[in-house]
PDB file of N, CA and C in Angstrom:
ATOM      1  N   UNK A   1      23.742  29.845 109.994  1.00  0.00           N
ATOM      2  CA  UNK A   1      24.580  28.916 109.894  1.00  0.00           C
ATOM      3  C   UNK A   1      25.008  28.021 111.387  1.00  0.00           C
ATOM      4  N   UNK A   2      25.049  26.775 111.730  1.00  0.00           N
ATOM      5  CA  UNK A   2      25.731  26.458 112.816  1.00  0.00           C
ATOM      6  C   UNK A   2      26.816  25.630 112.877  1.00  0.00           C
ATOM      7  N   UNK A   3      27.580  26.549 114.186  1.00  0.00           N
ATOM      8  CA  UNK A   3      29.074  26.306 114.531  1.00  0.00           C
ATOM      9  C   UNK A   3      29.103  24.921 114.440  1.00  0.00           C
ATOM     10  N   UNK A   4      29.714  23.987 114.088  1.00  0.00           N
ATOM     11  CA  UNK A   4      30.443  22.989 114.175  1.00  0.00           C
ATOM     12  C   UNK A   4      31.227  22.596 115.525  1.00  0.00           C
ATOM     13  N   UNK A   5      30.888  22.024 116.212  1.00  0.00           N
ATOM     14  CA  UNK A   5      31.799  21.944 117.485  1.00  0.00           C
ATOM     15  C   UNK A   5      32.691  20.742 117.287  1.00  0.00           C
ATOM     16  N   UNK A   6      33.206  20.840 118.484  1.00  0.00           N
ATOM     17  CA  UNK A   6      35.144  20.209 117.890  1.00  0.00           C
ATOM     18  C   UNK A   6      34.750  18.725 118.987  1.00  0.00           C
ATOM     19  N   UNK A   7      34.972  17.882 118.555  1.00  0.00           N
ATOM     20  CA  UNK A   7      35.039  16.676 119.545  1.00  0.00           C
ATOM     21  C   UNK A   7      36.575  16.723 120.579  1.00  0.00           C
ATOM     22  N   UNK A   8      36.536  15.851 121.527  1.00  0.00           N
ATOM     23  CA  UNK A   8      37.189  15.911 122.653  1.00  0.00           C
ATOM     24  C   UNK A   8      37.568  14.794 122.820  1.00  0.00           C
ATOM     25  N   UNK A   9      38.529  14.300 123.729  1.00  0.00           N
ATOM     26  CA  UNK A   9      38.920  13.007 124.132  1.00  0.00           C
ATOM     27  C   UNK A   9      37.449  12.387 124.835  1.00  0.00           C
ATOM     28  N   UNK A  10      37.177  13.303 125.842  1.00  0.00           N
ATOM     29  CA  UNK A  10      36.237  13.015 126.387  1.00  0.00           C
ATOM     30  C   UNK A  10      35.019  12.584 126.357  1.00  0.00           C
ATOM     31  N   UNK A  11      34.675  13.125 124.695  1.00  0.00           N
ATOM     32  CA  UNK A  11      33.643  12.683 124.298  1.00  0.00           C
ATOM     33  C   UNK A  11      33.733  11.086 123.623  1.00  0.00           C
ATOM     34  N   UNK A  12      34.293  10.352 123.546  1.00  0.00           N
ATOM     35  CA  UNK A  12      34.721   9.698 123.376  1.00  0.00           C
ATOM     36  C   UNK A  12      35.083   8.284 124.133  1.00  0.00           C
ATOM     37  N   UNK A  13      34.094   7.154 124.925  1.00  0.00           N
ATOM     38  CA  UNK A  13      33.862   6.434 125.094  1.00  0.00           C
ATOM     39  C   UNK A  13      33.349   4.886 124.734  1.00  0.00           C
ATOM     40  N   UNK A  14      34.235   3.979 125.544  1.00  0.00           N
ATOM     41  CA  UNK A  14      33.878   2.709 124.924  1.00  0.00           C
ATOM     42  C   UNK A  14      32.657   2.106 124.561  1.00  0.00           C
ATOM     43  N   UNK A  15      32.189   1.864 123.509  1.00  0.00           N
ATOM     44  CA  UNK A  15      30.906   1.755 122.863  1.00  0.00           C
ATOM     45  C   UNK A  15      30.125   0.604 124.145  1.00  0.00           C
ATOM     46  N   UNK A  16      31.180  -0.272 124.402  1.00  0.00           N
ATOM     47  CA  UNK A  16      30.349  -1.393 125.679  1.00  0.00           C
ATOM     48  C   UNK A  16      30.359  -0.358 127.234  1.00  0.00           C
ATOM     49  N   UNK A  17      30.223   0.507 126.835  1.00  0.00           N
ATOM     50  CA  UNK A  17      30.046   1.920 128.250  1.00  0.00           C
ATOM     51  C   UNK A  17      28.780   2.535 128.538  1.00  0.00           C
ATOM     52  N   UNK A  18      28.306   2.671 127.289  1.00  0.00           N
ATOM     53  CA  UNK A  18      27.057   3.205 126.962  1.00  0.00           C
ATOM     54  C   UNK A  18      26.015   2.620 127.997  1.00  0.00           C
ATOM     55  N   UNK A  19      25.555   1.892 128.071  1.00  0.00           N
ATOM     56  CA  UNK A  19      24.380   1.155 129.105  1.00  0.00           C
ATOM     57  C   UNK A  19      25.013   1.745 130.483  1.00  0.00           C
ATOM     58  N   UNK A  20      26.350   1.378 131.079  1.00  0.00           N
ATOM     59  CA  UNK A  20      26.364   2.317 132.037  1.00  0.00           C
ATOM     60  C   UNK A  20      26.411   3.842 132.684  1.00  0.00           C
ATOM     61  N   UNK A  21      26.835   4.287 131.363  1.00  0.00           N
ATOM     62  CA  UNK A  21      26.900   5.870 131.103  1.00  0.00           C
ATOM     63  C   UNK A  21      25.211   6.359 131.339  1.00  0.00           C
ATOM     64  N   UNK A  22      24.763   5.938 130.510  1.00  0.00           N
ATOM     65  CA  UNK A  22      23.011   6.561 129.851  1.00  0.00           C
ATOM     66  C   UNK A  22      21.977   4.953 130.430  1.00  0.00           C
ATOM     67  N   UNK A  23      22.027   4.787 131.843  1.00  0.00           N
ATOM     68  CA  UNK A  23      20.990   3.461 131.446  1.00  0.00           C
ATOM     69  C   UNK A  23      19.560   3.764 131.585  1.00  0.00           C
ATOM     70  N   UNK A  24      19.358   5.016 131.570  1.00  0.00           N
ATOM     71  CA  UNK A  24      18.213   5.860 130.969  1.00  0.00           C
ATOM     72  C   UNK A  24      17.257   5.690 129.479  1.00  0.00           C
ATOM     73  N   UNK A  25      18.432   5.538 129.053  1.00  0.00           N
ATOM     74  CA  UNK A  25      18.178   5.351 127.450  1.00  0.00           C
ATOM     75  C   UNK A  25      18.526   4.216 126.493  1.00  0.00           C
ATOM     76  N   UNK A  26      19.307   3.271 127.114  1.00  0.00           N
ATOM     77  CA  UNK A  26      19.840   2.079 126.882  1.00  0.00           C
ATOM     78  C   UNK A  26      19.848   0.885 128.006  1.00  0.00           C
ATOM     79  N   UNK A  27      19.203  -0.134 127.317  1.00  0.00           N
ATOM     80  CA  UNK A  27      19.678  -1.422 128.775  1.00  0.00           C
ATOM     81  C   UNK A  27      21.060  -1.977 127.864  1.00  0.00           C
ATOM     82  N   UNK A  28      21.309  -3.461 128.565  1.00  0.00           N
ATOM     83  CA  UNK A  28      22.873  -3.963 128.194  1.00  0.00           C
ATOM     84  C   UNK A  28      22.071  -4.696 126.464  1.00  0.00           C
ATOM     85  N   UNK A  29      21.284  -5.111 126.953  1.00  0.00           N
ATOM     86  CA  UNK A  29      20.683  -5.936 125.204  1.00  0.00           C
ATOM     87  C   UNK A  29      20.190  -5.000 124.168  1.00  0.00           C
ATOM     88  N   UNK A  30      19.537  -3.715 125.201  1.00  0.00           N
ATOM     89  CA  UNK A  30      19.023  -2.943 123.493  1.00  0.00           C
ATOM     90  C   UNK A  30      20.472  -2.235 122.915  1.00  0.00           C
ATOM     91  N   UNK A  31      21.134  -1.787 124.034  1.00  0.00           N
ATOM     92  CA  UNK A  31      22.347  -1.612 123.499  1.00  0.00           C
ATOM     93  C   UNK A  31      23.232  -2.288 122.133  1.00  0.00           C
ATOM     94  N   UNK A  32      23.450  -3.583 122.850  1.00  0.00           N
ATOM     95  CA  UNK A  32      23.925  -4.376 121.850  1.00  0.00           C
ATOM     96  C   UNK A  32      23.469  -4.317 120.650  1.00  0.00           C
ATOM     97  N   UNK A  33      22.012  -4.680 120.496  1.00  0.00           N
ATOM     98  CA  UNK A  33      21.221  -4.688 119.556  1.00  0.00           C
ATOM     99  C   UNK A  33      21.759  -3.349 118.610  1.00  0.00           C
ATOM    100  N   UNK A  34      21.229  -2.039 119.327  1.00  0.00           N
ATOM    101  CA  UNK A  34      21.496  -0.626 118.145  1.00  0.00           C
ATOM    102  C   UNK A  34      22.603  -1.071 117.691  1.00  0.00           C
ATOM    103  N   UNK A  35      23.972  -1.214 118.597  1.00  0.00           N
ATOM    104  CA  UNK A  35      25.555  -1.284 117.861  1.00  0.00           C
ATOM    105  C   UNK A  35      25.643  -2.101 116.568  1.00  0.00           C
ATOM    106  N   UNK A  36      24.842  -2.896 116.768  1.00  0.00           N
ATOM    107  CA  UNK A  36      25.146  -4.514 115.598  1.00  0.00           C
ATOM    108  C   UNK A  36      24.400  -3.722 114.533  1.00  0.00           C
ATOM    109  N   UNK A  37      23.317  -2.702 114.493  1.00  0.00           N
ATOM    110  CA  UNK A  37      22.762  -2.177 113.672  1.00  0.00           C
ATOM    111  C   UNK A  37      22.901  -1.300 113.288  1.00  0.00           C
ATOM    112  N   UNK A  38      23.699  -0.562 113.540  1.00  0.00           N
ATOM    113  CA  UNK A  38      24.100   0.672 113.325  1.00  0.00           C
ATOM    114  C   UNK A  38      24.288   0.945 112.448  1.00  0.00           C
ATOM    115  N   UNK A  39      24.705   0.124 111.085  1.00  0.00           N
ATOM    116  CA  UNK A  39      24.540   1.045 109.552  1.00  0.00           C
ATOM    117  C   UNK A  39      22.969   1.451 109.587  1.00  0.00           C
ATOM    118  N   UNK A  40      21.815   0.824 110.116  1.00  0.00           N
ATOM    119  CA  UNK A  40      20.695   0.392 109.755  1.00  0.00           C
ATOM    120  C   UNK A  40      19.654   1.788 110.620  1.00  0.00           C
ATOM    121  N   UNK A  41      20.285   1.796 111.381  1.00  0.00           N
ATOM    122  CA  UNK A  41      19.565   2.787 112.681  1.00  0.00           C
ATOM    123  C   UNK A  41      19.767   4.152 112.834  1.00  0.00           C
ATOM    124  N   UNK A  42      20.460   4.652 111.840  1.00  0.00           N
ATOM    125  CA  UNK A  42      20.847   6.035 112.485  1.00  0.00           C
ATOM    126  C   UNK A  42      22.173   6.332 113.191  1.00  0.00           C
ATOM    127  N   UNK A  43      23.037   5.302 113.581  1.00  0.00           N
ATOM    128  CA  UNK A  43      23.873   5.470 114.489  1.00  0.00           C
ATOM    129  C   UNK A  43      25.191   5.518 114.104  1.00  0.00           C
ATOM    130  N   UNK A  44      25.719   5.122 113.182  1.00  0.00           N
ATOM    131  CA  UNK A  44      26.787   4.771 112.685  1.00  0.00           C
ATOM    132  C   UNK A  44      27.517   6.024 112.545  1.00  0.00           C
ATOM    133  N   UNK A  45      27.418   6.577 112.652  1.00  0.00           N
ATOM    134  CA  UNK A  45      28.030   8.222 112.106  1.00  0.00           C
ATOM    135  C   UNK A  45      28.982   8.564 114.159  1.00  0.00           C
ATOM    136  N   UNK A  46      27.882   7.693 114.913  1.00  0.00           N
ATOM    137  CA  UNK A  46      28.484   7.978 116.327  1.00  0.00           C
ATOM    138  C   UNK A  46      29.823   6.858 116.573  1.00  0.00           C
ATOM    139  N   UNK A  47      30.179   6.192 115.980  1.00  0.00           N
ATOM    140  CA  UNK A  47      31.219   5.107 116.083  1.00  0.00           C
ATOM    141  C   UNK A  47      32.122   5.813 115.599  1.00  0.00           C
ATOM    142  N   UNK A  48      33.373   4.979 116.379  1.00  0.00           N
ATOM    143  CA  UNK A  48      34.448   5.654 115.915  1.00  0.00           C
ATOM    144  C   UNK A  48      35.687   4.522 116.171  1.00  0.00           C
ATOM    145  N   UNK A  49      36.041   3.745 114.894  1.00  0.00           N
ATOM    146  CA  UNK A  49      37.260   2.925 115.714  1.00  0.00           C
ATOM    147  C   UNK A  49      38.846   3.718 116.069  1.00  0.00           C
ATOM    148  N   UNK A  50      39.484   3.382 116.966  1.00  0.00           N
ATOM    149  CA  UNK A  50      40.619   3.765 117.323  1.00  0.00           C
ATOM    150  C   UNK A  50      41.604   2.246 117.611  1.00  0.00           C
ATOM    151  N   UNK A  51      42.529   2.253 116.423  1.00  0.00           N
ATOM    152  CA  UNK A  51      43.266   0.826 116.829  1.00  0.00           C
ATOM    153  C   UNK A  51      42.118  -0.136 116.449  1.00  0.00           C
ATOM    154  N   UNK A  52      42.314  -1.118 117.667  1.00  0.00           N
ATOM    155  CA  UNK A  52      41.105  -2.263 117.139  1.00  0.00           C
ATOM    156  C   UNK A  52      40.022  -1.988 118.416  1.00  0.00           C
ATOM    157  N   UNK A  53      39.498  -0.584 118.700  1.00  0.00           N
ATOM    158  CA  UNK A  53      38.610  -0.846 119.793  1.00  0.00           C
ATOM    159  C   UNK A  53      37.731   0.338 119.059  1.00  0.00           C
ATOM    160  N   UNK A  54      36.203   0.085 119.485  1.00  0.00           N
ATOM    161  CA  UNK A  54      35.481   0.970 119.298  1.00  0.00           C
ATOM    162  C   UNK A  54      34.779   1.868 120.290  1.00  0.00           C
ATOM    163  N   UNK A  55      34.431   2.869 119.859  1.00  0.00           N
ATOM    164  CA  UNK A  55      34.037   4.303 120.871  1.00  0.00           C
ATOM    165  C   UNK A  55      32.719   5.095 120.128  1.00  0.00           C
ATOM    166  N   UNK A  56      32.378   5.213 120.939  1.00  0.00           N
ATOM    167  CA  UNK A  56      31.139   6.163 120.751  1.00  0.00           C
ATOM    168  C   UNK A  56      31.123   7.593 121.026  1.00  0.00           C
ATOM    169  N   UNK A  57      31.343   8.328 120.100  1.00  0.00           N
ATOM    170  CA  UNK A  57      31.183   9.892 120.477  1.00  0.00           C
ATOM    171  C   UNK A  57      29.657  10.204 121.473  1.00  0.00           C
ATOM    172  N   UNK A  58      30.173  10.774 122.501  1.00  0.00           N
ATOM    173  CA  UNK A  58      28.825  10.743 122.995  1.00  0.00           C
ATOM    174  C   UNK A  58      27.690  11.734 122.385  1.00  0.00           C
ATOM    175  N   UNK A  59      28.569  12.796 121.750  1.00  0.00           N
ATOM    176  CA  UNK A  59      27.927  14.572 121.066  1.00  0.00           C
ATOM    177  C   UNK A  59      27.210  14.223 120.590  1.00  0.00           C
ATOM    178  N   UNK A  60      28.096  13.202 119.137  1.00  0.00           N
ATOM    179  CA  UNK A  60      27.171  12.909 117.963  1.00  0.00           C
ATOM    180  C   UNK A  60      25.896  12.054 118.258  1.00  0.00           C
ATOM    181  N   UNK A  61      25.919  10.569 118.975  1.00  0.00           N
ATOM    182  CA  UNK A  61      25.242   9.841 119.207  1.00  0.00           C
ATOM    183  C   UNK A  61      24.122  10.899 119.874  1.00  0.00           C
ATOM    184  N   UNK A  62      23.925  11.515 120.857  1.00  0.00           N
ATOM    185  CA  UNK A  62      22.940  12.229 120.948  1.00  0.00           C
ATOM    186  C   UNK A  62      22.116  13.429 119.883  1.00  0.00           C
ATOM    187  N   UNK A  63      22.847  13.845 118.932  1.00  0.00           N
ATOM    188  CA  UNK A  63      22.606  14.788 117.790  1.00  0.00           C
ATOM    189  C   UNK A  63      21.664  13.285 117.197  1.00  0.00           C
ATOM    190  N   UNK A  64      22.304  11.825 116.894  1.00  0.00           N
ATOM    191  CA  UNK A  64      21.241  10.762 116.328  1.00  0.00           C
ATOM    192  C   UNK A  64      20.337  10.633 116.543  1.00  0.00           C
ATOM    193  N   UNK A  65      20.512  10.944 117.918  1.00  0.00           N
ATOM    194  CA  UNK A  65      18.896  10.198 118.471  1.00  0.00           C
ATOM    195  C   UNK A  65      17.738  11.276 118.455  1.00  0.00           C
ATOM    196  N   UNK A  66      18.704  12.793 118.526  1.00  0.00           N
ATOM    197  CA  UNK A  66      17.699  14.062 118.343  1.00  0.00           C
ATOM    198  C   UNK A  66      16.995  14.089 116.923  1.00  0.00           C
ATOM    199  N   UNK A  67      18.180  13.325 116.178  1.00  0.00           N
ATOM    200  CA  UNK A  67      17.615  13.373 114.748  1.00  0.00           C
ATOM    201  C   UNK A  67      16.870  12.663 114.235  1.00  0.00           C
ATOM    202  N   UNK A  68      16.172  11.472 115.311  1.00  0.00           N
ATOM    203  CA  UNK A  68      15.486  10.343 114.603  1.00  0.00           C
ATOM    204  C   UNK A  68      13.875  10.499 115.075  1.00  0.00           C
ATOM    205  N   UNK A  69      12.998  10.300 114.249  1.00  0.00           N
ATOM    206  CA  UNK A  69      11.808  10.862 113.888  1.00  0.00           C
ATOM    207  C   UNK A  69      10.852   9.513 115.190  1.00  0.00           C
TER     208      UNK A  69
END
């Protein structure tokens, strides 16, 4: 059984900062499209709304990317 990892505040970054944090994975344009299509591309569970702001859990994003074939 796999131990569940806990989320820290350091794992959450504003969604628009992903291309700057991980330029080797996403261009700004590519990330904008992936974020808009998150319900259809397997990335939805990495997104979290806090108040009116949208964040991405980078640990969960990595898991989502890793699970894609």
